[in-house]
Amino acid sequence: MLPAMTDAAAPPLPNASELTQDGPAVRLFLVDGSAYLFRAYHALPPLTRKSDGLPVGAVQGFCNMLWKLLRDMQGDAPTHLAVIWDHSEKTFRNALYDQYKAHRPPPPEDLIPQFPLVRDATRAFGVPAIELPGYEADDLIAAYACKAREVGGEAIIVSSDKDLMQLVGDGVSMYDPMKGVRIEREQVFEKFGVYPEKVVDVQALCGDSVDNVPGAPGIGIKTAAQLITEYGDLDTLLARAGEIKQPKRRETLINFADQIRLSRQLVQLDCDTPL
């Protein structure tokens, strides 16, 4: 359970031995609520409630998308389902690095009043709307996915967010609802040039301009993947940075080692987030 949450909590996951149905005892669908909502907001024209002019277009779009997901997964039904939300912009990562996500603009003014409405709409579908102060939705998704895997179950993350791809592996996959495709290990490799267990190391090197994760200046995904593949992992790479032949790359890894390690902390999802 999530005793500190301000919203409806999902029921705790059972032990795998408690269920006897065919397939995984736990089949958990985790919907990235914020991604759904922002996609709905930008895809549809503005809509207001006639009685008072309240903006509701994004809520309507979100409901249509959630309803489609519920319909589409009837032949692939989960045992558990939840929509996971970001609680606020400030999280433990801001304490690590005060410039984390500092460049992001505020949400559109006509979207802000729809935040509580869309959570109410989620619950109206009979689906838990889960959020936790101090943590991002991605961390809650990570914790629930890891817990499902621990009990011998399966987690399907309904999102195409690259930051979640580090979680993909045995018992955990992603589903892009817009393209209708499953994201598994090979699809992660196509994106990053490494498999999921090395994604964090690559992200630590290349950084993320959207979230203002600094990384190593001048190193992109392709170079980062090559370095991690050659040296095995980030710690080994940084320890042996003096061996790198290219002077500029060698100096970058040596001079920005602490920044790269900080970036790893920023991109690493917390599977120990309280549940």
C-alpha atoms as a PDB file:
ATOM      1  CA  MET A   1       0.000   0.000   0.000  1.00  0.00           C
ATOM      2  CA  LEU A   2       0.968   3.647  -0.255  1.00  0.00           C
ATOM      3  CA  PRO A   3       0.119   5.167   3.128  1.00  0.00           C
ATOM      4  CA  ALA A   4       1.659   8.551   2.286  1.00  0.00           C
ATOM      5  CA  MET A   5      -0.221   8.983  -0.966  1.00  0.00           C
ATOM      6  CA  THR A   6      -2.808  11.680  -1.431  1.00  0.00           C
ATOM      7  CA  ASP A   7      -4.836   9.636  -3.890  1.00  0.00           C
ATOM      8  CA  ALA A   8      -6.528   6.284  -4.134  1.00  0.00           C
ATOM      9  CA  ALA A   9      -4.072   3.459  -3.545  1.00  0.00           C
ATOM     10  CA  ALA A  10      -3.853   0.306  -5.597  1.00  0.00           C
ATOM     11  CA  PRO A  11      -4.312  -2.965  -3.746  1.00  0.00           C
ATOM     12  CA  PRO A  12      -1.068  -4.679  -2.700  1.00  0.00           C
ATOM     13  CA  LEU A  13       0.293  -7.282  -5.063  1.00  0.00           C
ATOM     14  CA  PRO A  14      -0.406 -10.855  -3.956  1.00  0.00           C
ATOM     15  CA  ASN A  15       2.212 -13.565  -3.728  1.00  0.00           C
ATOM     16  CA  ALA A  16       2.433 -15.545  -6.940  1.00  0.00           C
ATOM     17  CA  SER A  17       1.281 -18.688  -5.110  1.00  0.00           C
ATOM     18  CA  GLU A  18      -2.018 -17.082  -4.118  1.00  0.00           C
ATOM     19  CA  LEU A  19      -3.438 -17.131  -7.654  1.00  0.00           C
ATOM     20  CA  THR A  20      -3.953 -20.220  -9.759  1.00  0.00           C
ATOM     21  CA  GLN A  21      -5.138 -18.786 -13.102  1.00  0.00           C
ATOM     22  CA  ASP A  22      -3.353 -19.594 -16.358  1.00  0.00           C
ATOM     23  CA  GLY A  23      -0.402 -17.357 -17.169  1.00  0.00           C
ATOM     24  CA  PRO A  24       1.382 -15.064 -14.704  1.00  0.00           C
ATOM     25  CA  ALA A  25      -0.298 -14.879 -11.299  1.00  0.00           C
ATOM     26  CA  VAL A  26       0.228 -11.116 -11.425  1.00  0.00           C
ATOM     27  CA  ARG A  27      -0.191  -9.303 -14.723  1.00  0.00           C
ATOM     28  CA  LEU A  28       0.125  -5.623 -13.972  1.00  0.00           C
ATOM     29  CA  PHE A  29      -0.583  -2.818 -16.435  1.00  0.00           C
ATOM     30  CA  LEU A  30       0.940   0.545 -15.431  1.00  0.00           C
ATOM     31  CA  VAL A  31      -0.245   3.561 -17.414  1.00  0.00           C
ATOM     32  CA  ASP A  32       1.944   6.663 -17.579  1.00  0.00           C
ATOM     33  CA  GLY A  33      -0.841   9.128 -16.798  1.00  0.00           C
ATOM     34  CA  SER A  34       1.022  12.367 -17.479  1.00  0.00           C
ATOM     35  CA  ALA A  35       2.147  11.178 -20.910  1.00  0.00           C
ATOM     36  CA  TYR A  36      -1.435  10.239 -21.757  1.00  0.00           C
ATOM     37  CA  LEU A  37      -2.781  13.587 -20.574  1.00  0.00           C
ATOM     38  CA  PHE A  38      -0.244  15.771 -22.389  1.00  0.00           C
ATOM     39  CA  ARG A  39      -0.680  13.768 -25.578  1.00  0.00           C
ATOM     40  CA  ALA A  40      -4.439  14.277 -25.343  1.00  0.00           C
ATOM     41  CA  TYR A  41      -4.003  18.007 -24.653  1.00  0.00           C
ATOM     42  CA  HIS A  42      -1.811  18.605 -27.704  1.00  0.00           C
ATOM     43  CA  ALA A  43      -3.779  16.326 -30.037  1.00  0.00           C
ATOM     44  CA  LEU A  44      -7.209  17.870 -29.588  1.00  0.00           C
ATOM     45  CA  PRO A  45      -8.685  21.360 -30.004  1.00  0.00           C
ATOM     46  CA  PRO A  46      -9.663  23.253 -26.830  1.00  0.00           C
ATOM     47  CA  LEU A  47     -12.982  22.329 -25.286  1.00  0.00           C
ATOM     48  CA  THR A  48     -14.768  24.073 -22.417  1.00  0.00           C
ATOM     49  CA  ARG A  49     -17.742  23.192 -20.274  1.00  0.00           C
ATOM     50  CA  LYS A  50     -20.683  25.338 -21.346  1.00  0.00           C
ATOM     51  CA  SER A  51     -21.953  25.970 -17.827  1.00  0.00           C
ATOM     52  CA  ASP A  52     -18.848  27.723 -16.526  1.00  0.00           C
ATOM     53  CA  GLY A  53     -16.194  27.735 -19.245  1.00  0.00           C
ATOM     54  CA  LEU A  54     -13.986  25.195 -17.448  1.00  0.00           C
ATOM     55  CA  PRO A  55     -11.437  23.631 -19.840  1.00  0.00           C
ATOM     56  CA  VAL A  56     -12.127  19.909 -20.260  1.00  0.00           C
ATOM     57  CA  GLY A  57     -10.656  19.001 -23.656  1.00  0.00           C
ATOM     58  CA  ALA A  58      -7.622  17.164 -22.302  1.00  0.00           C
ATOM     59  CA  VAL A  59      -9.807  15.213 -19.861  1.00  0.00           C
ATOM     60  CA  GLN A  60     -12.085  14.143 -22.686  1.00  0.00           C
ATOM     61  CA  GLY A  61      -9.123  13.074 -24.800  1.00  0.00           C
ATOM     62  CA  PHE A  62      -7.567  11.194 -21.880  1.00  0.00           C
ATOM     63  CA  CYS A  63     -10.840   9.354 -21.221  1.00  0.00           C
ATOM     64  CA  ASN A  64     -11.104   8.346 -24.871  1.00  0.00           C
ATOM     65  CA  MET A  65      -7.546   7.023 -24.801  1.00  0.00           C
ATOM     66  CA  LEU A  66      -8.055   5.129 -21.537  1.00  0.00           C
ATOM     67  CA  TRP A  67     -11.314   3.642 -22.795  1.00  0.00           C
ATOM     68  CA  LYS A  68      -9.573   2.470 -25.977  1.00  0.00           C
ATOM     69  CA  LEU A  69      -6.817   0.860 -23.901  1.00  0.00           C
ATOM     70  CA  LEU A  70      -9.367  -0.934 -21.728  1.00  0.00           C
ATOM     71  CA  ARG A  71     -11.106  -2.234 -24.844  1.00  0.00           C
ATOM     72  CA  ASP A  72      -7.927  -3.248 -26.636  1.00  0.00           C
ATOM     73  CA  MET A  73      -6.523  -5.237 -23.718  1.00  0.00           C
ATOM     74  CA  GLN A  74      -9.621  -7.394 -23.209  1.00  0.00           C
ATOM     75  CA  GLY A  75      -7.938 -10.292 -24.994  1.00  0.00           C
ATOM     76  CA  ASP A  76      -4.734  -9.707 -23.037  1.00  0.00           C
ATOM     77  CA  ALA A  77      -6.304  -8.828 -19.716  1.00  0.00           C
ATOM     78  CA  PRO A  78      -4.300  -7.784 -16.653  1.00  0.00           C
ATOM     79  CA  THR A  79      -4.943  -8.909 -13.102  1.00  0.00           C
ATOM     80  CA  HIS A  80      -4.066  -5.387 -11.898  1.00  0.00           C
ATOM     81  CA  LEU A  81      -4.222  -1.970 -13.529  1.00  0.00           C
ATOM     82  CA  ALA A  82      -3.303   1.530 -12.342  1.00  0.00           C
ATOM     83  CA  VAL A  83      -2.666   4.971 -13.789  1.00  0.00           C
ATOM     84  CA  ILE A  84       0.461   6.551 -12.291  1.00  0.00           C
ATOM     85  CA  TRP A  85       0.820  10.333 -11.966  1.00  0.00           C
ATOM     86  CA  ASP A  86       3.524  12.842 -11.141  1.00  0.00           C
ATOM     87  CA  HIS A  87       2.552  14.458  -7.837  1.00  0.00           C
ATOM     88  CA  SER A  88       4.534  17.691  -8.205  1.00  0.00           C
ATOM     89  CA  GLU A  89       7.519  19.154 -10.012  1.00  0.00           C
ATOM     90  CA  LYS A  90       9.850  18.971  -6.985  1.00  0.00           C
ATOM     91  CA  THR A  91      11.285  15.551  -6.140  1.00  0.00           C
ATOM     92  CA  PHE A  92      14.345  14.087  -4.435  1.00  0.00           C
ATOM     93  CA  ARG A  93      16.253  14.684  -7.671  1.00  0.00           C
ATOM     94  CA  ASN A  94      15.949  18.439  -7.189  1.00  0.00           C
ATOM     95  CA  ALA A  95      17.779  18.014  -3.886  1.00  0.00           C
ATOM     96  CA  LEU A  96      20.585  16.243  -5.746  1.00  0.00           C
ATOM     97  CA  TYR A  97      20.727  18.833  -8.542  1.00  0.00           C
ATOM     98  CA  ASP A  98      18.767  22.062  -8.312  1.00  0.00           C
ATOM     99  CA  GLN A  99      18.803  22.530 -12.089  1.00  0.00           C
ATOM    100  CA  TYR A 100      17.004  19.244 -12.723  1.00  0.00           C
ATOM    101  CA  LYS A 101      14.122  19.967 -15.144  1.00  0.00           C
ATOM    102  CA  ALA A 102      14.732  23.680 -14.506  1.00  0.00           C
ATOM    103  CA  HIS A 103      14.361  24.545 -18.191  1.00  0.00           C
ATOM    104  CA  ARG A 104      10.918  23.007 -18.557  1.00  0.00           C
ATOM    105  CA  PRO A 105       8.164  25.582 -19.107  1.00  0.00           C
ATOM    106  CA  PRO A 106       5.184  25.555 -16.752  1.00  0.00           C
ATOM    107  CA  PRO A 107       2.091  23.620 -17.856  1.00  0.00           C
ATOM    108  CA  PRO A 108      -0.360  25.509 -20.071  1.00  0.00           C
ATOM    109  CA  GLU A 109      -2.786  27.589 -18.013  1.00  0.00           C
ATOM    110  CA  ASP A 110      -5.852  25.864 -19.447  1.00  0.00           C
ATOM    111  CA  LEU A 111      -4.402  22.427 -18.567  1.00  0.00           C
ATOM    112  CA  ILE A 112      -3.759  23.110 -14.876  1.00  0.00           C
ATOM    113  CA  PRO A 113      -7.449  23.040 -13.789  1.00  0.00           C
ATOM    114  CA  GLN A 114      -7.811  19.711 -15.567  1.00  0.00           C
ATOM    115  CA  PHE A 115      -5.240  17.949 -13.352  1.00  0.00           C
ATOM    116  CA  PRO A 116      -7.683  17.110 -10.524  1.00  0.00           C
ATOM    117  CA  LEU A 117     -10.478  16.400 -13.001  1.00  0.00           C
ATOM    118  CA  VAL A 118      -8.469  13.786 -14.874  1.00  0.00           C
ATOM    119  CA  ARG A 119      -7.666  11.962 -11.647  1.00  0.00           C
ATOM    120  CA  ASP A 120     -11.372  11.924 -10.792  1.00  0.00           C
ATOM    121  CA  ALA A 121     -12.078  10.634 -14.295  1.00  0.00           C
ATOM    122  CA  THR A 122      -9.521   7.847 -13.843  1.00  0.00           C
ATOM    123  CA  ARG A 123     -11.219   6.702 -10.648  1.00  0.00           C
ATOM    124  CA  ALA A 124     -14.601   6.890 -12.386  1.00  0.00           C
ATOM    125  CA  PHE A 125     -13.327   4.110 -14.663  1.00  0.00           C
ATOM    126  CA  GLY A 126     -12.692   2.037 -11.540  1.00  0.00           C
ATOM    127  CA  VAL A 127      -8.925   2.441 -12.024  1.00  0.00           C
ATOM    128  CA  PRO A 128      -6.626   3.598  -9.180  1.00  0.00           C
ATOM    129  CA  ALA A 129      -4.940   6.984  -9.730  1.00  0.00           C
ATOM    130  CA  ILE A 130      -1.638   6.760  -7.853  1.00  0.00           C
ATOM    131  CA  GLU A 131       0.920   9.436  -7.003  1.00  0.00           C
ATOM    132  CA  LEU A 132       3.452   9.997  -4.236  1.00  0.00           C
ATOM    133  CA  PRO A 133       4.917  13.299  -2.979  1.00  0.00           C
ATOM    134  CA  GLY A 134       8.639  13.638  -3.584  1.00  0.00           C
ATOM    135  CA  TYR A 135       8.765  11.023  -6.326  1.00  0.00           C
ATOM    136  CA  GLU A 136       8.178  11.026 -10.044  1.00  0.00           C
ATOM    137  CA  ALA A 137       5.647   8.769 -11.699  1.00  0.00           C
ATOM    138  CA  ASP A 138       8.554   6.918 -13.317  1.00  0.00           C
ATOM    139  CA  ASP A 139       9.843   5.872  -9.880  1.00  0.00           C
ATOM    140  CA  LEU A 140       6.449   4.515  -8.845  1.00  0.00           C
ATOM    141  CA  ILE A 141       6.211   2.666 -12.141  1.00  0.00           C
ATOM    142  CA  ALA A 142       9.686   1.226 -11.522  1.00  0.00           C
ATOM    143  CA  ALA A 143       8.804   0.100  -8.004  1.00  0.00           C
ATOM    144  CA  TYR A 144       5.552  -1.588  -9.027  1.00  0.00           C
ATOM    145  CA  ALA A 145       7.185  -3.231 -12.053  1.00  0.00           C
ATOM    146  CA  CYS A 146      10.064  -4.554  -9.940  1.00  0.00           C
ATOM    147  CA  LYS A 147       7.646  -5.828  -7.297  1.00  0.00           C
ATOM    148  CA  ALA A 148       5.556  -7.643  -9.923  1.00  0.00           C
ATOM    149  CA  ARG A 149       8.700  -9.270 -11.262  1.00  0.00           C
ATOM    150  CA  GLU A 150       9.819 -10.263  -7.761  1.00  0.00           C
ATOM    151  CA  VAL A 151       6.614 -12.210  -7.144  1.00  0.00           C
ATOM    152  CA  GLY A 152       6.942 -14.049 -10.443  1.00  0.00           C
ATOM    153  CA  GLY A 153       4.501 -11.857 -12.312  1.00  0.00           C
ATOM    154  CA  GLU A 154       4.577  -9.644 -15.361  1.00  0.00           C
ATOM    155  CA  ALA A 155       4.408  -5.860 -15.721  1.00  0.00           C
ATOM    156  CA  ILE A 156       3.450  -4.025 -18.903  1.00  0.00           C
ATOM    157  CA  ILE A 157       4.265  -0.304 -18.833  1.00  0.00           C
ATOM    158  CA  VAL A 158       1.909   1.617 -21.098  1.00  0.00           C
ATOM    159  CA  SER A 159       4.254   4.319 -22.345  1.00  0.00           C
ATOM    160  CA  SER A 160       6.896   5.011 -24.971  1.00  0.00           C
ATOM    161  CA  ASP A 161       9.047   7.131 -22.615  1.00  0.00           C
ATOM    162  CA  LYS A 162      12.725   6.333 -23.162  1.00  0.00           C
ATOM    163  CA  ASP A 163      13.443   6.936 -19.461  1.00  0.00           C
ATOM    164  CA  LEU A 164      11.434   3.812 -18.614  1.00  0.00           C
ATOM    165  CA  MET A 165      13.333   1.561 -21.000  1.00  0.00           C
ATOM    166  CA  GLN A 166      15.944   0.751 -18.336  1.00  0.00           C
ATOM    167  CA  LEU A 167      13.239  -1.383 -16.673  1.00  0.00           C
ATOM    168  CA  VAL A 168      12.624  -3.681 -19.636  1.00  0.00           C
ATOM    169  CA  GLY A 169      13.731  -7.264 -19.108  1.00  0.00           C
ATOM    170  CA  ASP A 170      12.477 -10.535 -17.687  1.00  0.00           C
ATOM    171  CA  GLY A 171       8.851  -9.996 -16.725  1.00  0.00           C
ATOM    172  CA  VAL A 172       8.792  -6.305 -17.719  1.00  0.00           C
ATOM    173  CA  SER A 173       7.969  -4.845 -21.125  1.00  0.00           C
ATOM    174  CA  MET A 174       6.522  -1.626 -22.477  1.00  0.00           C
ATOM    175  CA  TYR A 175       3.610  -0.957 -24.794  1.00  0.00           C
ATOM    176  CA  ASP A 176       3.369   2.104 -27.010  1.00  0.00           C
ATOM    177  CA  PRO A 177      -0.398   2.688 -27.288  1.00  0.00           C
ATOM    178  CA  MET A 178      -0.080   5.210 -30.119  1.00  0.00           C
ATOM    179  CA  LYS A 179       1.886   2.875 -32.395  1.00  0.00           C
ATOM    180  CA  GLY A 180       0.374  -0.309 -30.989  1.00  0.00           C
ATOM    181  CA  VAL A 181       3.788  -1.935 -30.556  1.00  0.00           C
ATOM    182  CA  ARG A 182       5.462  -3.798 -27.702  1.00  0.00           C
ATOM    183  CA  ILE A 183       8.865  -2.554 -26.546  1.00  0.00           C
ATOM    184  CA  GLU A 184      11.163  -5.339 -25.398  1.00  0.00           C
ATOM    185  CA  ARG A 185      14.927  -5.845 -25.173  1.00  0.00           C
ATOM    186  CA  GLU A 186      15.616  -5.662 -28.904  1.00  0.00           C
ATOM    187  CA  GLN A 187      13.624  -2.461 -29.307  1.00  0.00           C
ATOM    188  CA  VAL A 188      15.609  -0.902 -26.443  1.00  0.00           C
ATOM    189  CA  PHE A 189      18.840  -1.890 -28.195  1.00  0.00           C
ATOM    190  CA  GLU A 190      17.614  -0.220 -31.382  1.00  0.00           C
ATOM    191  CA  LYS A 191      17.028   2.990 -29.419  1.00  0.00           C
ATOM    192  CA  PHE A 192      20.176   3.127 -27.277  1.00  0.00           C
ATOM    193  CA  GLY A 193      22.702   0.766 -28.876  1.00  0.00           C
ATOM    194  CA  VAL A 194      22.824  -1.214 -25.608  1.00  0.00           C
ATOM    195  CA  TYR A 195      20.437  -3.535 -23.791  1.00  0.00           C
ATOM    196  CA  PRO A 196      18.295  -2.282 -20.870  1.00  0.00           C
ATOM    197  CA  GLU A 197      20.784  -3.123 -18.115  1.00  0.00           C
ATOM    198  CA  LYS A 198      23.255  -0.613 -19.648  1.00  0.00           C
ATOM    199  CA  VAL A 199      20.768   2.131 -20.530  1.00  0.00           C
ATOM    200  CA  VAL A 200      21.420   4.103 -17.337  1.00  0.00           C
ATOM    201  CA  ASP A 201      25.167   4.171 -18.091  1.00  0.00           C
ATOM    202  CA  VAL A 202      24.517   5.473 -21.599  1.00  0.00           C
ATOM    203  CA  GLN A 203      22.058   8.104 -20.352  1.00  0.00           C
ATOM    204  CA  ALA A 204      24.549   9.231 -17.702  1.00  0.00           C
ATOM    205  CA  LEU A 205      27.057   9.953 -20.460  1.00  0.00           C
ATOM    206  CA  CYS A 206      24.818  11.564 -23.069  1.00  0.00           C
ATOM    207  CA  GLY A 207      22.595  13.437 -20.607  1.00  0.00           C
ATOM    208  CA  ASP A 208      19.097  14.651 -21.396  1.00  0.00           C
ATOM    209  CA  SER A 209      18.369  18.194 -22.544  1.00  0.00           C
ATOM    210  CA  VAL A 210      14.631  17.801 -21.857  1.00  0.00           C
ATOM    211  CA  ASP A 211      15.177  17.003 -18.162  1.00  0.00           C
ATOM    212  CA  ASN A 212      18.355  19.111 -17.946  1.00  0.00           C
ATOM    213  CA  VAL A 213      20.538  16.148 -17.038  1.00  0.00           C
ATOM    214  CA  PRO A 214      24.063  17.412 -17.825  1.00  0.00           C
ATOM    215  CA  GLY A 215      25.908  14.224 -18.809  1.00  0.00           C
ATOM    216  CA  ALA A 216      29.293  14.537 -20.524  1.00  0.00           C
ATOM    217  CA  PRO A 217      29.555  17.540 -22.864  1.00  0.00           C
ATOM    218  CA  GLY A 218      29.875  16.545 -26.513  1.00  0.00           C
ATOM    219  CA  ILE A 219      29.022  12.852 -26.033  1.00  0.00           C
ATOM    220  CA  GLY A 220      25.850  11.638 -27.716  1.00  0.00           C
ATOM    221  CA  ILE A 221      23.976   8.339 -27.573  1.00  0.00           C
ATOM    222  CA  LYS A 222      26.015   6.649 -30.313  1.00  0.00           C
ATOM    223  CA  THR A 223      29.395   7.483 -28.749  1.00  0.00           C
ATOM    224  CA  ALA A 224      28.107   6.670 -25.258  1.00  0.00           C
ATOM    225  CA  ALA A 225      26.909   3.251 -26.408  1.00  0.00           C
ATOM    226  CA  GLN A 226      30.265   2.555 -28.068  1.00  0.00           C
ATOM    227  CA  LEU A 227      32.163   3.476 -24.904  1.00  0.00           C
ATOM    228  CA  ILE A 228      29.957   1.410 -22.593  1.00  0.00           C
ATOM    229  CA  THR A 229      30.160  -1.570 -24.958  1.00  0.00           C
ATOM    230  CA  GLU A 230      33.946  -1.304 -25.103  1.00  0.00           C
ATOM    231  CA  TYR A 231      34.574  -0.828 -21.363  1.00  0.00           C
ATOM    232  CA  GLY A 232      31.653  -2.820 -19.969  1.00  0.00           C
ATOM    233  CA  ASP A 233      30.136  -0.288 -17.591  1.00  0.00           C
ATOM    234  CA  LEU A 234      30.349   3.343 -16.543  1.00  0.00           C
ATOM    235  CA  ASP A 235      32.545   2.840 -13.484  1.00  0.00           C
ATOM    236  CA  THR A 236      35.145   0.937 -15.479  1.00  0.00           C
ATOM    237  CA  LEU A 237      35.045   3.558 -18.218  1.00  0.00           C
ATOM    238  CA  LEU A 238      35.649   6.417 -15.786  1.00  0.00           C
ATOM    239  CA  ALA A 239      38.391   4.492 -13.973  1.00  0.00           C
ATOM    240  CA  ARG A 240      40.202   3.860 -17.265  1.00  0.00           C
ATOM    241  CA  ALA A 241      39.412   7.171 -18.945  1.00  0.00           C
ATOM    242  CA  GLY A 242      43.129   7.979 -19.169  1.00  0.00           C
ATOM    243  CA  GLU A 243      43.525   5.119 -21.670  1.00  0.00           C
ATOM    244  CA  ILE A 244      41.223   6.716 -24.256  1.00  0.00           C
ATOM    245  CA  LYS A 245      43.181   7.786 -27.321  1.00  0.00           C
ATOM    246  CA  GLN A 246      41.030  10.718 -28.464  1.00  0.00           C
ATOM    247  CA  PRO A 247      42.331  13.695 -26.425  1.00  0.00           C
ATOM    248  CA  LYS A 248      39.090  15.665 -26.273  1.00  0.00           C
ATOM    249  CA  ARG A 249      37.014  12.640 -25.262  1.00  0.00           C
ATOM    250  CA  ARG A 250      39.614  11.589 -22.684  1.00  0.00           C
ATOM    251  CA  GLU A 251      39.707  15.071 -21.130  1.00  0.00           C
ATOM    252  CA  THR A 252      35.907  15.273 -21.038  1.00  0.00           C
ATOM    253  CA  LEU A 253      35.563  11.980 -19.166  1.00  0.00           C
ATOM    254  CA  ILE A 254      38.294  12.916 -16.688  1.00  0.00           C
ATOM    255  CA  ASN A 255      37.201  16.526 -16.092  1.00  0.00           C
ATOM    256  CA  PHE A 256      33.465  15.810 -15.892  1.00  0.00           C
ATOM    257  CA  ALA A 257      33.571  12.478 -14.012  1.00  0.00           C
ATOM    258  CA  ASP A 258      31.656  13.814 -10.999  1.00  0.00           C
ATOM    259  CA  GLN A 259      29.018  15.382 -13.256  1.00  0.00           C
ATOM    260  CA  ILE A 260      28.614  12.086 -15.095  1.00  0.00           C
ATOM    261  CA  ARG A 261      28.166  10.209 -11.809  1.00  0.00           C
ATOM    262  CA  LEU A 262      25.569  12.780 -10.724  1.00  0.00           C
ATOM    263  CA  SER A 263      23.778  12.299 -14.037  1.00  0.00           C
ATOM    264  CA  ARG A 264      23.616   8.567 -13.357  1.00  0.00           C
ATOM    265  CA  GLN A 265      21.870   9.278 -10.051  1.00  0.00           C
ATOM    266  CA  LEU A 266      19.384  11.533 -11.845  1.00  0.00           C
ATOM    267  CA  VAL A 267      18.420   9.030 -14.539  1.00  0.00           C
ATOM    268  CA  GLN A 268      18.411   5.899 -12.340  1.00  0.00           C
ATOM    269  CA  LEU A 269      14.841   4.992 -11.417  1.00  0.00           C
ATOM    270  CA  ASP A 270      14.200   4.039  -7.805  1.00  0.00           C
ATOM    271  CA  CYS A 271      12.796   0.515  -7.522  1.00  0.00           C
ATOM    272  CA  ASP A 272      12.756   1.014  -3.734  1.00  0.00           C
ATOM    273  CA  THR A 273      10.194   3.823  -3.908  1.00  0.00           C
ATOM    274  CA  PRO A 274       7.772   3.293  -0.972  1.00  0.00           C
ATOM    275  CA  LEU A 275       4.669   1.305  -1.905  1.00  0.00           C
END
